[in-house]
Amino acid sequence: MIATKDMLTVEELTTEFMLDHSMLIFDSFRQNFLEFPIHFSDPADLSIKLYHAPFLVFSINNSEMPKYNYLNFRAQKAFELNREDINNFLLKDSVPDQLQNNLLGFAKHIRQGSKSANYNGSYISKNGNQFRLNSAYVWALSNHNGEYHGVGWAEPLF
């Protein structure tokens, strides 16, 4: 079980990566869908609010074997990842073996410019507990120059 001690601190949430990645999530979501449900005053405010949002948000990097590089606290709890595990959890390890190729193929499809506003999928946590995403948004994390940085997911509890 993930406890409050596993939450990232304000200092961790305001590192250069977290500030940049939170803005990337925000900007790329708006490019692909509608207005983002978080209003903020500056990048640090966005990073903190996104991490503590009442909806699930996570992303993977763009490596050959993708791994999670961002999880807000709701996602961190769903995947049962403590603070040390957040950046070491592979995408393929978050689904049963028989679904790994499907999820990797879906991520590749999104990376190639597709998006979904109605994604449904089953996942398993680090400890083997299952949870489901329903009608989630999935999109390529690309900056304004079109440089690809990964894939983002957001469960639409907003």
C-alpha atoms as a PDB file:
ATOM      1  CA  MET A   1       0.000   0.000   0.000  1.00  0.00           C
ATOM      2  CA  ILE A   2       1.270   3.441  -0.909  1.00  0.00           C
ATOM      3  CA  ALA A   3       1.317   5.817   2.034  1.00  0.00           C
ATOM      4  CA  THR A   4       1.654   9.563   2.428  1.00  0.00           C
ATOM      5  CA  LYS A   5       5.396   9.067   2.998  1.00  0.00           C
ATOM      6  CA  ASP A   6       5.606   7.906  -0.638  1.00  0.00           C
ATOM      7  CA  MET A   7       4.263  11.221  -1.944  1.00  0.00           C
ATOM      8  CA  LEU A   8       6.737  13.390  -3.769  1.00  0.00           C
ATOM      9  CA  THR A   9       7.781  16.523  -1.901  1.00  0.00           C
ATOM     10  CA  VAL A  10       7.367  20.074  -3.177  1.00  0.00           C
ATOM     11  CA  GLU A  11      11.122  20.077  -3.857  1.00  0.00           C
ATOM     12  CA  GLU A  12      10.794  16.923  -5.999  1.00  0.00           C
ATOM     13  CA  LEU A  13       7.758  18.331  -7.793  1.00  0.00           C
ATOM     14  CA  THR A  14       9.612  21.505  -8.718  1.00  0.00           C
ATOM     15  CA  THR A  15      12.681  19.929 -10.298  1.00  0.00           C
ATOM     16  CA  GLU A  16      13.387  20.947 -13.878  1.00  0.00           C
ATOM     17  CA  PHE A  17      12.086  17.617 -15.204  1.00  0.00           C
ATOM     18  CA  MET A  18       8.806  17.803 -13.269  1.00  0.00           C
ATOM     19  CA  LEU A  19       8.167  21.425 -14.252  1.00  0.00           C
ATOM     20  CA  ASP A  20       8.941  20.750 -17.925  1.00  0.00           C
ATOM     21  CA  HIS A  21       7.035  17.457 -18.032  1.00  0.00           C
ATOM     22  CA  SER A  22       3.948  18.902 -16.354  1.00  0.00           C
ATOM     23  CA  MET A  23       3.901  21.696 -18.959  1.00  0.00           C
ATOM     24  CA  LEU A  24       4.413  19.111 -21.721  1.00  0.00           C
ATOM     25  CA  ILE A  25       1.423  17.115 -20.438  1.00  0.00           C
ATOM     26  CA  PHE A  26      -0.686  20.277 -20.233  1.00  0.00           C
ATOM     27  CA  ASP A  27       0.316  21.703 -23.629  1.00  0.00           C
ATOM     28  CA  SER A  28       0.120  18.443 -25.561  1.00  0.00           C
ATOM     29  CA  PHE A  29      -3.250  17.568 -24.001  1.00  0.00           C
ATOM     30  CA  ARG A  30      -4.650  20.930 -25.110  1.00  0.00           C
ATOM     31  CA  GLN A  31      -3.235  20.433 -28.620  1.00  0.00           C
ATOM     32  CA  ASN A  32      -5.057  17.090 -28.893  1.00  0.00           C
ATOM     33  CA  PHE A  33      -8.241  17.547 -26.896  1.00  0.00           C
ATOM     34  CA  LEU A  34     -10.013  20.300 -25.006  1.00  0.00           C
ATOM     35  CA  GLU A  35      -9.189  22.629 -22.214  1.00  0.00           C
ATOM     36  CA  PHE A  36      -7.210  20.960 -19.455  1.00  0.00           C
ATOM     37  CA  PRO A  37      -9.111  20.713 -16.144  1.00  0.00           C
ATOM     38  CA  ILE A  38      -6.392  22.347 -14.028  1.00  0.00           C
ATOM     39  CA  HIS A  39      -5.974  26.102 -13.768  1.00  0.00           C
ATOM     40  CA  PHE A  40      -2.607  27.311 -12.522  1.00  0.00           C
ATOM     41  CA  SER A  41      -0.542  30.436 -12.058  1.00  0.00           C
ATOM     42  CA  ASP A  42       2.921  29.163 -13.032  1.00  0.00           C
ATOM     43  CA  PRO A  43       4.722  25.895 -13.894  1.00  0.00           C
ATOM     44  CA  ALA A  44       5.386  25.057 -10.223  1.00  0.00           C
ATOM     45  CA  ASP A  45       1.707  25.513  -9.397  1.00  0.00           C
ATOM     46  CA  LEU A  46       0.770  23.231 -12.330  1.00  0.00           C
ATOM     47  CA  SER A  47       3.260  20.554 -11.280  1.00  0.00           C
ATOM     48  CA  ILE A  48       1.932  20.478  -7.723  1.00  0.00           C
ATOM     49  CA  LYS A  49      -1.739  20.545  -8.772  1.00  0.00           C
ATOM     50  CA  LEU A  50      -1.259  17.872 -11.445  1.00  0.00           C
ATOM     51  CA  TYR A  51       0.478  15.549  -8.986  1.00  0.00           C
ATOM     52  CA  HIS A  52      -2.357  15.969  -6.464  1.00  0.00           C
ATOM     53  CA  ALA A  53      -5.197  15.951  -9.037  1.00  0.00           C
ATOM     54  CA  PRO A  54      -8.284  13.852  -8.267  1.00  0.00           C
ATOM     55  CA  PHE A  55      -7.886  12.067 -11.613  1.00  0.00           C
ATOM     56  CA  LEU A  56      -5.209   9.634 -12.743  1.00  0.00           C
ATOM     57  CA  VAL A  57      -2.380  10.888 -15.032  1.00  0.00           C
ATOM     58  CA  PHE A  58       0.707   8.988 -16.145  1.00  0.00           C
ATOM     59  CA  SER A  59       3.160   8.879 -19.022  1.00  0.00           C
ATOM     60  CA  ILE A  60       5.850   6.720 -20.542  1.00  0.00           C
ATOM     61  CA  ASN A  61       9.116   7.724 -22.150  1.00  0.00           C
ATOM     62  CA  ASN A  62      10.011   7.161 -25.786  1.00  0.00           C
ATOM     63  CA  SER A  63      12.647   4.450 -25.319  1.00  0.00           C
ATOM     64  CA  GLU A  64      12.644   1.136 -27.197  1.00  0.00           C
ATOM     65  CA  MET A  65      11.366  -0.572 -24.034  1.00  0.00           C
ATOM     66  CA  PRO A  66       9.142   2.202 -22.601  1.00  0.00           C
ATOM     67  CA  LYS A  67       9.014   2.814 -18.903  1.00  0.00           C
ATOM     68  CA  TYR A  68       6.861   5.087 -16.834  1.00  0.00           C
ATOM     69  CA  ASN A  69       8.420   8.489 -16.324  1.00  0.00           C
ATOM     70  CA  TYR A  70       5.543  10.370 -14.714  1.00  0.00           C
ATOM     71  CA  LEU A  71       2.771   9.286 -12.375  1.00  0.00           C
ATOM     72  CA  ASN A  72       0.637  11.609 -10.340  1.00  0.00           C
ATOM     73  CA  PHE A  73      -0.192  10.428  -6.837  1.00  0.00           C
ATOM     74  CA  ARG A  74      -3.457   8.797  -7.892  1.00  0.00           C
ATOM     75  CA  ALA A  75      -1.570   6.784 -10.569  1.00  0.00           C
ATOM     76  CA  GLN A  76       1.256   6.051  -8.147  1.00  0.00           C
ATOM     77  CA  LYS A  77      -1.293   4.506  -5.777  1.00  0.00           C
ATOM     78  CA  ALA A  78      -3.023   2.534  -8.567  1.00  0.00           C
ATOM     79  CA  PHE A  79       0.285   1.066  -9.750  1.00  0.00           C
ATOM     80  CA  GLU A  80       1.424   0.605  -6.102  1.00  0.00           C
ATOM     81  CA  LEU A  81       4.765   2.270  -6.751  1.00  0.00           C
ATOM     82  CA  ASN A  82       6.705   3.855  -3.938  1.00  0.00           C
ATOM     83  CA  ARG A  83       8.788   6.925  -4.698  1.00  0.00           C
ATOM     84  CA  GLU A  84      11.902   4.870  -5.534  1.00  0.00           C
ATOM     85  CA  ASP A  85      10.039   2.667  -8.048  1.00  0.00           C
ATOM     86  CA  ILE A  86       8.335   5.390 -10.096  1.00  0.00           C
ATOM     87  CA  ASN A  87      10.999   5.664 -12.815  1.00  0.00           C
ATOM     88  CA  ASN A  88      11.900   1.963 -12.945  1.00  0.00           C
ATOM     89  CA  PHE A  89       8.549   0.414 -13.873  1.00  0.00           C
ATOM     90  CA  LEU A  90       8.362  -0.839 -17.459  1.00  0.00           C
ATOM     91  CA  LEU A  91       5.202  -0.400 -19.503  1.00  0.00           C
ATOM     92  CA  LYS A  92       5.171  -4.111 -20.358  1.00  0.00           C
ATOM     93  CA  ASP A  93       5.138  -4.992 -16.647  1.00  0.00           C
ATOM     94  CA  SER A  94       1.854  -3.161 -16.097  1.00  0.00           C
ATOM     95  CA  VAL A  95      -0.270  -5.678 -18.013  1.00  0.00           C
ATOM     96  CA  PRO A  96      -0.505  -9.478 -17.984  1.00  0.00           C
ATOM     97  CA  ASP A  97       2.002 -11.273 -20.241  1.00  0.00           C
ATOM     98  CA  GLN A  98      -0.589 -12.086 -22.885  1.00  0.00           C
ATOM     99  CA  LEU A  99      -1.462  -8.366 -23.284  1.00  0.00           C
ATOM    100  CA  GLN A 100       2.067  -6.929 -23.397  1.00  0.00           C
ATOM    101  CA  ASN A 101       2.330  -6.899 -27.196  1.00  0.00           C
ATOM    102  CA  ASN A 102      -1.103  -5.261 -27.462  1.00  0.00           C
ATOM    103  CA  LEU A 103      -0.158  -2.438 -25.082  1.00  0.00           C
ATOM    104  CA  LEU A 104       3.254  -1.899 -26.691  1.00  0.00           C
ATOM    105  CA  GLY A 105       1.593  -1.834 -30.119  1.00  0.00           C
ATOM    106  CA  PHE A 106      -1.028   0.626 -28.908  1.00  0.00           C
ATOM    107  CA  ALA A 107       1.661   2.918 -27.487  1.00  0.00           C
ATOM    108  CA  LYS A 108       3.504   2.764 -30.835  1.00  0.00           C
ATOM    109  CA  HIS A 109       0.262   3.601 -32.664  1.00  0.00           C
ATOM    110  CA  ILE A 110      -0.251   6.664 -30.439  1.00  0.00           C
ATOM    111  CA  ARG A 111       3.379   7.672 -30.884  1.00  0.00           C
ATOM    112  CA  GLN A 112       2.795   7.734 -34.659  1.00  0.00           C
ATOM    113  CA  GLY A 113       0.231  10.501 -34.322  1.00  0.00           C
ATOM    114  CA  SER A 114      -2.970   8.819 -33.254  1.00  0.00           C
ATOM    115  CA  LYS A 115      -4.927   9.663 -30.111  1.00  0.00           C
ATOM    116  CA  SER A 116      -7.867   8.284 -28.179  1.00  0.00           C
ATOM    117  CA  ALA A 117     -10.516   9.933 -26.032  1.00  0.00           C
ATOM    118  CA  ASN A 118     -12.169   6.628 -25.177  1.00  0.00           C
ATOM    119  CA  TYR A 119      -9.398   4.202 -24.191  1.00  0.00           C
ATOM    120  CA  ASN A 120     -10.332   1.233 -21.999  1.00  0.00           C
ATOM    121  CA  GLY A 121      -7.670  -1.008 -20.572  1.00  0.00           C
ATOM    122  CA  SER A 122      -6.796  -3.307 -17.705  1.00  0.00           C
ATOM    123  CA  TYR A 123      -3.543  -2.894 -15.821  1.00  0.00           C
ATOM    124  CA  ILE A 124      -1.747  -4.637 -13.009  1.00  0.00           C
ATOM    125  CA  SER A 125       0.125  -2.939 -10.238  1.00  0.00           C
ATOM    126  CA  LYS A 126       3.669  -3.747  -9.163  1.00  0.00           C
ATOM    127  CA  ASN A 127       2.139  -6.088  -6.570  1.00  0.00           C
ATOM    128  CA  GLY A 128      -0.157  -7.848  -9.059  1.00  0.00           C
ATOM    129  CA  ASN A 129      -3.430  -6.106  -8.222  1.00  0.00           C
ATOM    130  CA  GLN A 130      -5.629  -5.285 -11.209  1.00  0.00           C
ATOM    131  CA  PHE A 131      -7.285  -1.978 -12.002  1.00  0.00           C
ATOM    132  CA  ARG A 132      -9.040  -0.618 -15.051  1.00  0.00           C
ATOM    133  CA  LEU A 133      -9.007   2.614 -17.026  1.00  0.00           C
ATOM    134  CA  ASN A 134     -12.328   3.535 -18.601  1.00  0.00           C
ATOM    135  CA  SER A 135     -12.790   6.145 -21.324  1.00  0.00           C
ATOM    136  CA  ALA A 136      -9.303   7.531 -20.734  1.00  0.00           C
ATOM    137  CA  TYR A 137      -7.534  10.067 -22.908  1.00  0.00           C
ATOM    138  CA  VAL A 138      -4.319   8.830 -24.537  1.00  0.00           C
ATOM    139  CA  TRP A 139      -2.103  11.057 -26.659  1.00  0.00           C
ATOM    140  CA  ALA A 140       1.442  11.602 -27.897  1.00  0.00           C
ATOM    141  CA  LEU A 141       3.467  13.928 -25.715  1.00  0.00           C
ATOM    142  CA  SER A 142       4.876  16.306 -28.297  1.00  0.00           C
ATOM    143  CA  ASN A 143       6.102  19.833 -27.826  1.00  0.00           C
ATOM    144  CA  HIS A 144       5.175  22.778 -30.061  1.00  0.00           C
ATOM    145  CA  ASN A 145       8.008  21.842 -32.448  1.00  0.00           C
ATOM    146  CA  GLY A 146       6.509  18.384 -32.926  1.00  0.00           C
ATOM    147  CA  GLU A 147       9.314  16.638 -31.023  1.00  0.00           C
ATOM    148  CA  TYR A 148       7.978  13.408 -29.553  1.00  0.00           C
ATOM    149  CA  HIS A 149       8.613  12.776 -25.846  1.00  0.00           C
ATOM    150  CA  GLY A 150       6.365   9.820 -24.973  1.00  0.00           C
ATOM    151  CA  VAL A 151       2.717   8.915 -24.467  1.00  0.00           C
ATOM    152  CA  GLY A 152       0.341  10.298 -21.846  1.00  0.00           C
ATOM    153  CA  TRP A 153      -2.792   8.818 -20.281  1.00  0.00           C
ATOM    154  CA  ALA A 154      -5.427  10.655 -18.229  1.00  0.00           C
ATOM    155  CA  GLU A 155      -8.483   9.036 -16.736  1.00  0.00           C
ATOM    156  CA  PRO A 156     -11.414  11.406 -17.296  1.00  0.00           C
ATOM    157  CA  LEU A 157     -12.625  11.948 -13.786  1.00  0.00           C
ATOM    158  CA  PHE A 158     -12.801  15.618 -14.619  1.00  0.00           C
END
